PDB file of N, CA and C in Angstrom:
ATOM      1  N   MET A   1     -51.651  48.065  51.702  1.00  0.00           N
ATOM      2  CA  MET A   1     -52.212  49.386  51.621  1.00  0.00           C
ATOM      3  C   MET A   1     -52.523  49.856  53.045  1.00  0.00           C
ATOM      4  N   CYS A   2     -52.241  51.128  53.279  1.00  0.00           N
ATOM      5  CA  CYS A   2     -52.487  51.718  54.593  1.00  0.00           C
ATOM      6  C   CYS A   2     -53.706  52.625  54.497  1.00  0.00           C
ATOM      7  N   LYS A   3     -54.649  52.422  55.384  1.00  0.00           N
ATOM      8  CA  LYS A   3     -55.864  53.225  55.356  1.00  0.00           C
ATOM      9  C   LYS A   3     -56.006  53.928  56.701  1.00  0.00           C
ATOM     10  N   ILE A   4     -56.065  55.244  56.684  1.00  0.00           N
ATOM     11  CA  ILE A   4     -56.234  56.019  57.901  1.00  0.00           C
ATOM     12  C   ILE A   4     -57.721  56.281  58.082  1.00  0.00           C
ATOM     13  N   VAL A   5     -58.245  55.803  59.181  1.00  0.00           N
ATOM     14  CA  VAL A   5     -59.675  55.931  59.434  1.00  0.00           C
ATOM     15  C   VAL A   5     -59.996  57.285  60.042  1.00  0.00           C
ATOM     16  N   ASN A   6     -59.227  57.697  61.013  1.00  0.00           N
ATOM     17  CA  ASN A   6     -59.505  58.939  61.711  1.00  0.00           C
ATOM     18  C   ASN A   6     -58.305  59.871  61.560  1.00  0.00           C
ATOM     19  N   VAL A   7     -58.493  60.971  60.877  1.00  0.00           N
ATOM     20  CA  VAL A   7     -57.404  61.916  60.618  1.00  0.00           C
ATOM     21  C   VAL A   7     -56.884  62.508  61.918  1.00  0.00           C
ATOM     22  N   GLY A   8     -57.741  62.744  62.877  1.00  0.00           N
ATOM     23  CA  GLY A   8     -57.326  63.317  64.158  1.00  0.00           C
ATOM     24  C   GLY A   8     -56.356  62.416  64.897  1.00  0.00           C
ATOM     25  N   SER A   9     -56.640  61.124  64.917  1.00  0.00           N
ATOM     26  CA  SER A   9     -55.752  60.205  65.619  1.00  0.00           C
ATOM     27  C   SER A   9     -54.438  60.030  64.866  1.00  0.00           C
ATOM     28  N   ALA A  10     -54.456  60.118  63.549  1.00  0.00           N
ATOM     29  CA  ALA A  10     -53.225  60.027  62.762  1.00  0.00           C
ATOM     30  C   ALA A  10     -52.326  61.225  63.051  1.00  0.00           C
ATOM     31  N   ALA A  11     -52.921  62.402  63.150  1.00  0.00           N
ATOM     32  CA  ALA A  11     -52.146  63.601  63.464  1.00  0.00           C
ATOM     33  C   ALA A  11     -51.559  63.507  64.871  1.00  0.00           C
ATOM     34  N   ALA A  12     -52.334  62.972  65.793  1.00  0.00           N
ATOM     35  CA  ALA A  12     -51.840  62.812  67.164  1.00  0.00           C
ATOM     36  C   ALA A  12     -50.688  61.808  67.207  1.00  0.00           C
ATOM     37  N   LEU A  13     -50.803  60.762  66.419  1.00  0.00           N
ATOM     38  CA  LEU A  13     -49.742  59.761  66.358  1.00  0.00           C
ATOM     39  C   LEU A  13     -48.466  60.366  65.788  1.00  0.00           C
ATOM     40  N   LEU A  14     -48.585  61.142  64.720  1.00  0.00           N
ATOM     41  CA  LEU A  14     -47.418  61.797  64.129  1.00  0.00           C
ATOM     42  C   LEU A  14     -46.780  62.779  65.107  1.00  0.00           C
ATOM     43  N   LEU A  15     -47.597  63.515  65.834  1.00  0.00           N
ATOM     44  CA  LEU A  15     -47.087  64.453  66.831  1.00  0.00           C
ATOM     45  C   LEU A  15     -46.350  63.715  67.934  1.00  0.00           C
ATOM     46  N   CYS A  16     -46.893  62.605  68.376  1.00  0.00           N
ATOM     47  CA  CYS A  16     -46.264  61.794  69.410  1.00  0.00           C
ATOM     48  C   CYS A  16     -44.935  61.226  68.925  1.00  0.00           C
ATOM     49  N   LEU A  17     -44.902  60.720  67.695  1.00  0.00           N
ATOM     50  CA  LEU A  17     -43.664  60.171  67.137  1.00  0.00           C
ATOM     51  C   LEU A  17     -42.591  61.242  66.999  1.00  0.00           C
ATOM     52  N   ALA A  18     -42.991  62.438  66.603  1.00  0.00           N
ATOM     53  CA  ALA A  18     -42.029  63.530  66.480  1.00  0.00           C
ATOM     54  C   ALA A  18     -41.475  63.920  67.844  1.00  0.00           C
ATOM     55  N   ALA A  19     -42.337  63.939  68.857  1.00  0.00           N
ATOM     56  CA  ALA A  19     -41.886  64.284  70.208  1.00  0.00           C
ATOM     57  C   ALA A  19     -40.941  63.222  70.753  1.00  0.00           C
ATOM     58  N   CYS A  20     -41.241  61.965  70.519  1.00  0.00           N
ATOM     59  CA  CYS A  20     -40.379  60.880  70.989  1.00  0.00           C
ATOM     60  C   CYS A  20     -39.028  60.912  70.294  1.00  0.00           C
ATOM     61  N   ALA A  21     -39.011  61.280  69.034  1.00  0.00           N
ATOM     62  CA  ALA A  21     -37.760  61.321  68.282  1.00  0.00           C
ATOM     63  C   ALA A  21     -36.853  62.441  68.774  1.00  0.00           C
ATOM     64  N   SER A  22     -37.428  63.494  69.351  1.00  0.00           N
ATOM     65  CA  SER A  22     -36.621  64.630  69.790  1.00  0.00           C
ATOM     66  C   SER A  22     -36.106  64.480  71.219  1.00  0.00           C
ATOM     67  N   VAL A  23     -36.479  63.421  71.914  1.00  0.00           N
ATOM     68  CA  VAL A  23     -36.010  63.197  73.281  1.00  0.00           C
ATOM     69  C   VAL A  23     -34.584  62.666  73.221  1.00  0.00           C
ATOM     70  N   PRO A  24     -33.640  63.365  73.845  1.00  0.00           N
ATOM     71  CA  PRO A  24     -32.254  62.888  73.778  1.00  0.00           C
ATOM     72  C   PRO A  24     -32.063  61.625  74.613  1.00  0.00           C
ATOM     73  N   PRO A  25     -31.089  60.816  74.252  1.00  0.00           N
ATOM     74  CA  PRO A  25     -30.822  59.614  75.036  1.00  0.00           C
ATOM     75  C   PRO A  25     -30.256  59.997  76.400  1.00  0.00           C
ATOM     76  N   PRO A  26     -30.348  59.114  77.372  1.00  0.00           N
ATOM     77  CA  PRO A  26     -29.784  59.431  78.686  1.00  0.00           C
ATOM     78  C   PRO A  26     -28.266  59.579  78.585  1.00  0.00           C
ATOM     79  N   PRO A  27     -27.676  60.392  79.463  1.00  0.00           N
ATOM     80  CA  PRO A  27     -26.226  60.583  79.396  1.00  0.00           C
ATOM     81  C   PRO A  27     -25.477  59.320  79.807  1.00  0.00           C
ATOM     82  N   PRO A  28     -24.257  59.153  79.324  1.00  0.00           N
ATOM     83  CA  PRO A  28     -23.449  58.003  79.740  1.00  0.00           C
ATOM     84  C   PRO A  28     -23.193  58.052  81.239  1.00  0.00           C
ATOM     85  N   VAL A  29     -22.982  56.891  81.829  1.00  0.00           N
ATOM     86  CA  VAL A  29     -22.777  56.797  83.273  1.00  0.00           C
ATOM     87  C   VAL A  29     -21.287  56.769  83.593  1.00  0.00           C
ATOM     88  N   VAL A  30     -20.913  57.538  84.616  1.00  0.00           N
ATOM     89  CA  VAL A  30     -19.588  57.458  85.214  1.00  0.00           C
ATOM     90  C   VAL A  30     -19.795  56.846  86.595  1.00  0.00           C
ATOM     91  N   MET A  31     -19.208  55.658  86.815  1.00  0.00           N
ATOM     92  CA  MET A  31     -19.326  54.967  88.105  1.00  0.00           C
ATOM     93  C   MET A  31     -18.011  55.134  88.858  1.00  0.00           C
ATOM     94  N   VAL A  32     -18.082  55.829  89.989  1.00  0.00           N
ATOM     95  CA  VAL A  32     -16.886  56.062  90.801  1.00  0.00           C
ATOM     96  C   VAL A  32     -16.824  54.992  91.884  1.00  0.00           C
ATOM     97  N   GLY A  33     -15.743  54.215  91.864  1.00  0.00           N
ATOM     98  CA  GLY A  33     -15.518  53.188  92.867  1.00  0.00           C
ATOM     99  C   GLY A  33     -14.310  53.523  93.719  1.00  0.00           C
ATOM    100  N   LYS A  34     -14.042  52.679  94.718  1.00  0.00           N
ATOM    101  CA  LYS A  34     -12.886  52.908  95.593  1.00  0.00           C
ATOM    102  C   LYS A  34     -11.575  52.800  94.830  1.00  0.00           C
ATOM    103  N   GLU A  35     -11.491  51.837  93.934  1.00  0.00           N
ATOM    104  CA  GLU A  35     -10.229  51.559  93.239  1.00  0.00           C
ATOM    105  C   GLU A  35     -10.188  52.088  91.810  1.00  0.00           C
ATOM    106  N   ASP A  36     -11.340  52.148  91.149  1.00  0.00           N
ATOM    107  CA  ASP A  36     -11.338  52.557  89.752  1.00  0.00           C
ATOM    108  C   ASP A  36     -12.600  53.335  89.407  1.00  0.00           C
ATOM    109  N   ILE A  37     -12.629  53.829  88.181  1.00  0.00           N
ATOM    110  CA  ILE A  37     -13.754  54.603  87.670  1.00  0.00           C
ATOM    111  C   ILE A  37     -14.157  53.959  86.344  1.00  0.00           C
ATOM    112  N   ILE A  38     -15.451  53.757  86.156  1.00  0.00           N
ATOM    113  CA  ILE A  38     -15.939  53.211  84.888  1.00  0.00           C
ATOM    114  C   ILE A  38     -16.620  54.344  84.134  1.00  0.00           C
ATOM    115  N   VAL A  39     -16.100  54.639  82.948  1.00  0.00           N
ATOM    116  CA  VAL A  39     -16.606  55.738  82.121  1.00  0.00           C
ATOM    117  C   VAL A  39     -17.179  55.143  80.843  1.00  0.00           C
ATOM    118  N   ALA A  40     -18.486  55.223  80.688  1.00  0.00           N
ATOM    119  CA  ALA A  40     -19.153  54.712  79.486  1.00  0.00           C
ATOM    120  C   ALA A  40     -18.689  53.297  79.153  1.00  0.00           C
ATOM    121  N   GLY A  41     -18.570  52.459  80.190  1.00  0.00           N
ATOM    122  CA  GLY A  41     -18.200  51.064  80.002  1.00  0.00           C
ATOM    123  C   GLY A  41     -16.710  50.785  80.001  1.00  0.00           C
ATOM    124  N   GLN A  42     -15.878  51.808  80.064  1.00  0.00           N
ATOM    125  CA  GLN A  42     -14.418  51.633  80.052  1.00  0.00           C
ATOM    126  C   GLN A  42     -13.853  51.872  81.452  1.00  0.00           C
ATOM    127  N   ARG A  43     -13.044  50.929  81.941  1.00  0.00           N
ATOM    128  CA  ARG A  43     -12.471  51.012  83.292  1.00  0.00           C
ATOM    129  C   ARG A  43     -11.159  51.780  83.273  1.00  0.00           C
ATOM    130  N   VAL A  44     -11.071  52.816  84.139  1.00  0.00           N
ATOM    131  CA  VAL A  44      -9.840  53.592  84.307  1.00  0.00           C
ATOM    132  C   VAL A  44      -9.546  53.694  85.799  1.00  0.00           C
ATOM    133  N   HIS A  45      -8.354  54.209  86.140  1.00  0.00           N
ATOM    134  CA  HIS A  45      -7.971  54.252  87.546  1.00  0.00           C
ATOM    135  C   HIS A  45      -7.877  55.661  88.122  1.00  0.00           C
ATOM    136  N   THR A  46      -7.681  56.664  87.293  1.00  0.00           N
ATOM    137  CA  THR A  46      -7.505  58.021  87.804  1.00  0.00           C
ATOM    138  C   THR A  46      -8.520  58.975  87.184  1.00  0.00           C
ATOM    139  N   VAL A  47      -8.666  60.124  87.831  1.00  0.00           N
ATOM    140  CA  VAL A  47      -9.560  61.159  87.321  1.00  0.00           C
ATOM    141  C   VAL A  47      -9.041  61.676  85.978  1.00  0.00           C
ATOM    142  N   GLN A  48      -7.726  61.773  85.826  1.00  0.00           N
ATOM    143  CA  GLN A  48      -7.141  62.243  84.564  1.00  0.00           C
ATOM    144  C   GLN A  48      -7.477  61.280  83.425  1.00  0.00           C
ATOM    145  N   GLU A  49      -7.422  59.983  83.692  1.00  0.00           N
ATOM    146  CA  GLU A  49      -7.802  58.998  82.676  1.00  0.00           C
ATOM    147  C   GLU A  49      -9.289  59.102  82.347  1.00  0.00           C
ATOM    148  N   MET A  50     -10.112  59.377  83.362  1.00  0.00           N
ATOM    149  CA  MET A  50     -11.546  59.562  83.146  1.00  0.00           C
ATOM    150  C   MET A  50     -11.779  60.733  82.198  1.00  0.00           C
ATOM    151  N   LEU A  51     -11.090  61.848  82.447  1.00  0.00           N
ATOM    152  CA  LEU A  51     -11.243  63.026  81.594  1.00  0.00           C
ATOM    153  C   LEU A  51     -10.776  62.748  80.167  1.00  0.00           C
ATOM    154  N   ALA A  52      -9.728  61.950  80.029  1.00  0.00           N
ATOM    155  CA  ALA A  52      -9.235  61.604  78.696  1.00  0.00           C
ATOM    156  C   ALA A  52     -10.281  60.802  77.919  1.00  0.00           C
ATOM    157  N   VAL A  53     -10.956  59.877  78.592  1.00  0.00           N
ATOM    158  CA  VAL A  53     -12.011  59.088  77.937  1.00  0.00           C
ATOM    159  C   VAL A  53     -13.179  59.986  77.554  1.00  0.00           C
ATOM    160  N   LEU A  54     -13.567  60.904  78.443  1.00  0.00           N
ATOM    161  CA  LEU A  54     -14.656  61.832  78.124  1.00  0.00           C
ATOM    162  C   LEU A  54     -14.317  62.663  76.896  1.00  0.00           C
ATOM    163  N   ALA A  55     -13.061  63.122  76.825  1.00  0.00           N
ATOM    164  CA  ALA A  55     -12.639  63.927  75.677  1.00  0.00           C
ATOM    165  C   ALA A  55     -12.567  63.076  74.406  1.00  0.00           C
ATOM    166  N   GLU A  56     -12.018  61.873  74.530  1.00  0.00           N
ATOM    167  CA  GLU A  56     -11.868  60.973  73.380  1.00  0.00           C
ATOM    168  C   GLU A  56     -13.208  60.612  72.758  1.00  0.00           C
ATOM    169  N   LYS A  57     -14.210  60.377  73.620  1.00  0.00           N
ATOM    170  CA  LYS A  57     -15.533  59.986  73.134  1.00  0.00           C
ATOM    171  C   LYS A  57     -16.463  61.184  72.948  1.00  0.00           C
ATOM    172  N   ASN A  58     -15.906  62.396  73.181  1.00  0.00           N
ATOM    173  CA  ASN A  58     -16.667  63.637  73.006  1.00  0.00           C
ATOM    174  C   ASN A  58     -17.967  63.629  73.812  1.00  0.00           C
ATOM    175  N   ILE A  59     -17.862  63.266  75.089  1.00  0.00           N
ATOM    176  CA  ILE A  59     -19.015  63.197  75.983  1.00  0.00           C
ATOM    177  C   ILE A  59     -19.124  64.528  76.722  1.00  0.00           C
ATOM    178  N   ALA A  60     -20.255  65.217  76.553  1.00  0.00           N
ATOM    179  CA  ALA A  60     -20.437  66.542  77.136  1.00  0.00           C
ATOM    180  C   ALA A  60     -21.084  66.503  78.518  1.00  0.00           C
ATOM    181  N   SER A  61     -21.906  65.483  78.785  1.00  0.00           N
ATOM    182  CA  SER A  61     -22.553  65.398  80.092  1.00  0.00           C
ATOM    183  C   SER A  61     -22.644  63.934  80.513  1.00  0.00           C
ATOM    184  N   VAL A  62     -22.632  63.725  81.829  1.00  0.00           N
ATOM    185  CA  VAL A  62     -22.650  62.363  82.374  1.00  0.00           C
ATOM    186  C   VAL A  62     -23.620  62.278  83.545  1.00  0.00           C
ATOM    187  N   ALA A  63     -24.032  61.061  83.828  1.00  0.00           N
ATOM    188  CA  ALA A  63     -24.769  60.753  85.054  1.00  0.00           C
ATOM    189  C   ALA A  63     -23.757  60.078  85.975  1.00  0.00           C
ATOM    190  N   LEU A  64     -23.566  60.607  87.156  1.00  0.00           N
ATOM    191  CA  LEU A  64     -22.561  60.091  88.076  1.00  0.00           C
ATOM    192  C   LEU A  64     -23.190  59.120  89.061  1.00  0.00           C
ATOM    193  N   ARG A  65     -22.596  57.957  89.203  1.00  0.00           N
ATOM    194  CA  ARG A  65     -23.005  56.950  90.186  1.00  0.00           C
ATOM    195  C   ARG A  65     -21.788  56.624  91.038  1.00  0.00           C
ATOM    196  N   THR A  66     -22.017  56.214  92.259  1.00  0.00           N
ATOM    197  CA  THR A  66     -20.906  55.823  93.123  1.00  0.00           C
ATOM    198  C   THR A  66     -21.212  54.488  93.772  1.00  0.00           C
ATOM    199  N   GLU A  67     -20.158  53.728  94.011  1.00  0.00           N
ATOM    200  CA  GLU A  67     -20.302  52.497  94.765  1.00  0.00           C
ATOM    201  C   GLU A  67     -20.435  52.867  96.239  1.00  0.00           C
ATOM    202  N   PRO A  68     -20.982  51.957  97.051  1.00  0.00           N
ATOM    203  CA  PRO A  68     -21.081  52.229  98.483  1.00  0.00           C
ATOM    204  C   PRO A  68     -19.680  52.408  99.083  1.00  0.00           C
ATOM    205  N   ASP A  69     -19.582  53.220 100.107  1.00  0.00           N
ATOM    206  CA  ASP A  69     -18.354  53.419 100.886  1.00  0.00           C
ATOM    207  C   ASP A  69     -17.222  54.097 100.122  1.00  0.00           C
ATOM    208  N   VAL A  70     -17.501  54.786  99.023  1.00  0.00           N
ATOM    209  CA  VAL A  70     -16.476  55.573  98.342  1.00  0.00           C
ATOM    210  C   VAL A  70     -16.321  56.877  99.133  1.00  0.00           C
ATOM    211  N   PRO A  71     -15.084  57.267  99.461  1.00  0.00           N
ATOM    212  CA  PRO A  71     -14.887  58.511 100.214  1.00  0.00           C
ATOM    213  C   PRO A  71     -15.446  59.729  99.458  1.00  0.00           C
ATOM    214  N   TYR A  72     -16.034  60.638 100.207  1.00  0.00           N
ATOM    215  CA  TYR A  72     -16.618  61.841  99.605  1.00  0.00           C
ATOM    216  C   TYR A  72     -15.564  62.660  98.871  1.00  0.00           C
ATOM    217  N   GLU A  73     -14.325  62.621  99.321  1.00  0.00           N
ATOM    218  CA  GLU A  73     -13.257  63.363  98.659  1.00  0.00           C
ATOM    219  C   GLU A  73     -13.052  62.861  97.230  1.00  0.00           C
ATOM    220  N   ARG A  74     -13.126  61.543  97.048  1.00  0.00           N
ATOM    221  CA  ARG A  74     -12.955  60.959  95.707  1.00  0.00           C
ATOM    222  C   ARG A  74     -14.124  61.349  94.803  1.00  0.00           C
ATOM    223  N   ILE A  75     -15.329  61.321  95.345  1.00  0.00           N
ATOM    224  CA  ILE A  75     -16.516  61.716  94.573  1.00  0.00           C
ATOM    225  C   ILE A  75     -16.418  63.193  94.206  1.00  0.00           C
ATOM    226  N   GLY A  76     -16.039  64.011  95.185  1.00  0.00           N
ATOM    227  CA  GLY A  76     -15.902  65.447  94.944  1.00  0.00           C
ATOM    228  C   GLY A  76     -14.846  65.753  93.895  1.00  0.00           C
ATOM    229  N   ALA A  77     -13.731  65.025  93.941  1.00  0.00           N
ATOM    230  CA  ALA A  77     -12.665  65.227  92.952  1.00  0.00           C
ATOM    231  C   ALA A  77     -13.159  64.899  91.548  1.00  0.00           C
ATOM    232  N   ALA A  78     -13.959  63.840  91.426  1.00  0.00           N
ATOM    233  CA  ALA A  78     -14.498  63.463  90.110  1.00  0.00           C
ATOM    234  C   ALA A  78     -15.452  64.543  89.598  1.00  0.00           C
ATOM    235  N   ILE A  79     -16.360  65.001  90.468  1.00  0.00           N
ATOM    236  CA  ILE A  79     -17.332  66.032  90.055  1.00  0.00           C
ATOM    237  C   ILE A  79     -16.612  67.326  89.693  1.00  0.00           C
ATOM    238  N   TYR A  80     -15.694  67.750  90.538  1.00  0.00           N
ATOM    239  CA  TYR A  80     -14.946  68.991  90.295  1.00  0.00           C
ATOM    240  C   TYR A  80     -14.190  68.912  88.967  1.00  0.00           C
ATOM    241  N   SER A  81     -13.532  67.779  88.724  1.00  0.00           N
ATOM    242  CA  SER A  81     -12.750  67.624  87.498  1.00  0.00           C
ATOM    243  C   SER A  81     -13.633  67.633  86.257  1.00  0.00           C
ATOM    244  N   ILE A  82     -14.795  67.017  86.350  1.00  0.00           N
ATOM    245  CA  ILE A  82     -15.721  67.003  85.216  1.00  0.00           C
ATOM    246  C   ILE A  82     -16.152  68.428  84.879  1.00  0.00           C
ATOM    247  N   PHE A  83     -16.519  69.211  85.897  1.00  0.00           N
ATOM    248  CA  PHE A  83     -16.931  70.595  85.659  1.00  0.00           C
ATOM    249  C   PHE A  83     -15.779  71.452  85.157  1.00  0.00           C
ATOM    250  N   ARG A  84     -14.588  71.275  85.721  1.00  0.00           N
ATOM    251  CA  ARG A  84     -13.413  72.046  85.289  1.00  0.00           C
ATOM    252  C   ARG A  84     -13.065  71.763  83.826  1.00  0.00           C
ATOM    253  N   ALA A  85     -13.392  70.563  83.367  1.00  0.00           N
ATOM    254  CA  ALA A  85     -13.121  70.187  81.977  1.00  0.00           C
ATOM    255  C   ALA A  85     -14.205  70.702  81.024  1.00  0.00           C
ATOM    256  N   GLY A  86     -15.174  71.447  81.556  1.00  0.00           N
ATOM    257  CA  GLY A  86     -16.228  72.018  80.711  1.00  0.00           C
ATOM    258  C   GLY A  86     -17.346  71.057  80.388  1.00  0.00           C
ATOM    259  N   ARG A  87     -17.478  70.025  81.183  1.00  0.00           N
ATOM    260  CA  ARG A  87     -18.532  69.039  80.982  1.00  0.00           C
ATOM    261  C   ARG A  87     -19.570  69.179  82.100  1.00  0.00           C
ATOM    262  N   GLN A  88     -20.681  68.484  81.976  1.00  0.00           N
ATOM    263  CA  GLN A  88     -21.753  68.598  82.960  1.00  0.00           C
ATOM    264  C   GLN A  88     -22.036  67.267  83.638  1.00  0.00           C
ATOM    265  N   VAL A  89     -22.467  67.363  84.892  1.00  0.00           N
ATOM    266  CA  VAL A  89     -22.994  66.210  85.622  1.00  0.00           C
ATOM    267  C   VAL A  89     -24.489  66.458  85.721  1.00  0.00           C
ATOM    268  N   THR A  90     -25.280  65.623  85.041  1.00  0.00           N
ATOM    269  CA  THR A  90     -26.721  65.859  85.003  1.00  0.00           C
ATOM    270  C   THR A  90     -27.444  65.262  86.195  1.00  0.00           C
ATOM    271  N   GLU A  91     -26.873  64.226  86.791  1.00  0.00           N
ATOM    272  CA  GLU A  91     -27.483  63.621  87.973  1.00  0.00           C
ATOM    273  C   GLU A  91     -26.423  62.881  88.766  1.00  0.00           C
ATOM    274  N   VAL A  92     -26.660  62.764  90.058  1.00  0.00           N
ATOM    275  CA  VAL A  92     -25.734  62.065  90.949  1.00  0.00           C
ATOM    276  C   VAL A  92     -26.546  61.091  91.783  1.00  0.00           C
ATOM    277  N   ASP A  93     -26.050  59.853  91.898  1.00  0.00           N
ATOM    278  CA  ASP A  93     -26.748  58.850  92.701  1.00  0.00           C
ATOM    279  C   ASP A  93     -25.709  58.034  93.448  1.00  0.00           C
ATOM    280  N   ARG A  94     -25.852  57.959  94.745  1.00  0.00           N
ATOM    281  CA  ARG A  94     -24.952  57.157  95.572  1.00  0.00           C
ATOM    282  C   ARG A  94     -25.646  55.820  95.830  1.00  0.00           C
ATOM    283  N   SER A  95     -24.984  54.745  95.433  1.00  0.00           N
ATOM    284  CA  SER A  95     -25.554  53.407  95.584  1.00  0.00           C
ATOM    285  C   SER A  95     -25.734  53.060  97.043  1.00  0.00           C
ATOM    286  N   LYS A  96     -26.724  52.275  97.299  1.00  0.00           N
ATOM    287  CA  LYS A  96     -26.991  51.822  98.659  1.00  0.00           C
ATOM    288  C   LYS A  96     -26.168  50.569  98.958  1.00  0.00           C
ATOM    289  N   ALA A  97     -25.701  50.471 100.171  1.00  0.00           N
ATOM    290  CA  ALA A  97     -24.945  49.273 100.574  1.00  0.00           C
ATOM    291  C   ALA A  97     -25.893  48.086 100.614  1.00  0.00           C
ATOM    292  N   PRO A  98     -25.418  46.900 100.188  1.00  0.00           N
ATOM    293  CA  PRO A  98     -26.306  45.720 100.190  1.00  0.00           C
ATOM    294  C   PRO A  98     -26.661  45.264 101.591  1.00  0.00           C
TER     295      PRO A  98
END
């Protein structure tokens, strides 16, 4: 049997649970490396293959990460292609060299 002692705290708990349930999960990560790109755990080699995976998995937005020493042109090509495909980049983070 469940007994609610304080109605105010029960209402606050329900409000908190409802708010937590409405928080969307973080976007899948796209990791851009020198040789390949990892999209939601799947390794591909070209930007076109990356876009195909995004379309196949119906991914609308991504968080972009890069390995150290990836040329800016490669990063820019990935970002540009994602936007051109009608998808969003919600955050970008360049990894630090060890």
